[in-house]
Every structure is written in C-alpha cells, then in structure tokens.
Amino acid sequence: MRSGMQDAVLAMLAKEPSYGYHLRARLRQALGPLGGSMNQGQIYVTLARLEKAGFVVCERSDGLPDRADRKVYALTPAGQRRVAAWLAEVGWPKPDLAEFHLKLVAASAARLADPVELVAAQRRELLRRLREAQQAALAEPESSAAAVLLEGVMLRLRADLRWLAACERAWSTGGVGGDATTGDEDEDENDEVEGG
C-alpha cells in the first residue's frame, strides 16, 4: 500500500543514500514545526517496509568509536521509478468536508445534536489551529521551506472557516436538513411514471 510517508522517504533518498537518523532530520527540517510529532521509530518502520517491497537496499557502514555500525539505505531502480511516478502524479489532498457535512445531516435528522452548535465547535477548533500555525509561521525564518508549508496550512484553514460560516447560515435558517430519502423516492416515482 502506498503512503505519503513512504513516498517522501524515497524522495529524500533520491539525492543520496542516507541512514535513518539523517532522513528524519531532513524531513523535520522540511516540515518545520509540523514535523515535531515524527518519531525515529516511524522512519525505521517505513524503511523496513520499503526494503521488503524492494524499493530500497540496506548496507552497513562503519560506525564511529562511540557508535555501532549503522545501516545506510539507498534507492533501488524500482525505488527510483516509484519516486518518478510520485513526482509526476497530479493529485491534491482533500479536506474531509463530506464527512462533516454528513455529521450535520445525521445530527439534524435524528435530532441528536444541534447542527449550528456542531459548526460552532468546529470553528473554535479551526481557529485554535490557525492561531498555532500563525505563531509557528512567525517563528520560522523567511527562507524556510516550512514557512511556505505553514502559509498553505493557514490559507486552507481560512477557506474552511469561510465554508463553516456558509454552513452556519444554511442550518440557522432551516433551509437544509429535509428528508432527502423522501425526495429521491418522489423522483423515482416520477421517473417510473415518465418511463411509462
């Protein structure tokens, strides 16, 4: 199974063979504060899976006097092809708006919760994340690659906040949340009548 972490690790190895600790440092530098939760074990688990899949090979290098031999990982030809395919992909991560939308619909239909209150709670969470991203961006040097990533995070959060405002307007006025099932059944019935 492909994962973003596997592709990122392979891409880092495309420059030169490296060992796990160095790879983690390079990924954390690229992600800035967003890479703070990445642990060393995650990198080695990913490398082990990539080696098993034939995308990397591992060799032992001489260690330092105070450090045991280390494993150095390098791309195989299959790994190089996978990196090239990943870079050529035209995709875009999608915020999971559909899941939250369905939560609002279900909460309203079953009268389990007030959709407007759910929207307000979601807005508070996004505002908290936006403040964190703004603070992290201010702490980054201008030439930092992570600063560009943080700018993207903030732009997406602001877009999501605008969508939540639209949700609040729609659910506050009661213009949504009707029984869609009934409507579909009516359409099906009309189709049957028209189809004769």
Foldseek 3Di string as FASTA:
>chain_A
DDDPVLLLLLVVQVVDWAFQVVSLVVVCQLQPPVSPPPDSVVSVVSVVVCVVVPQKDWDWDCDDPVDHITIIIHGDVVSVVVNVVVVPDDDDDDDPPVVLVVVLLVCLQVVVDQSLVVLVVVLVVLVVVLVVLVVSLVVDDPPGNNNVVSVVSNVVSVVVNVVSVVVNVCSVVVVDNDDVVVVVVVVVVVVVVVVD
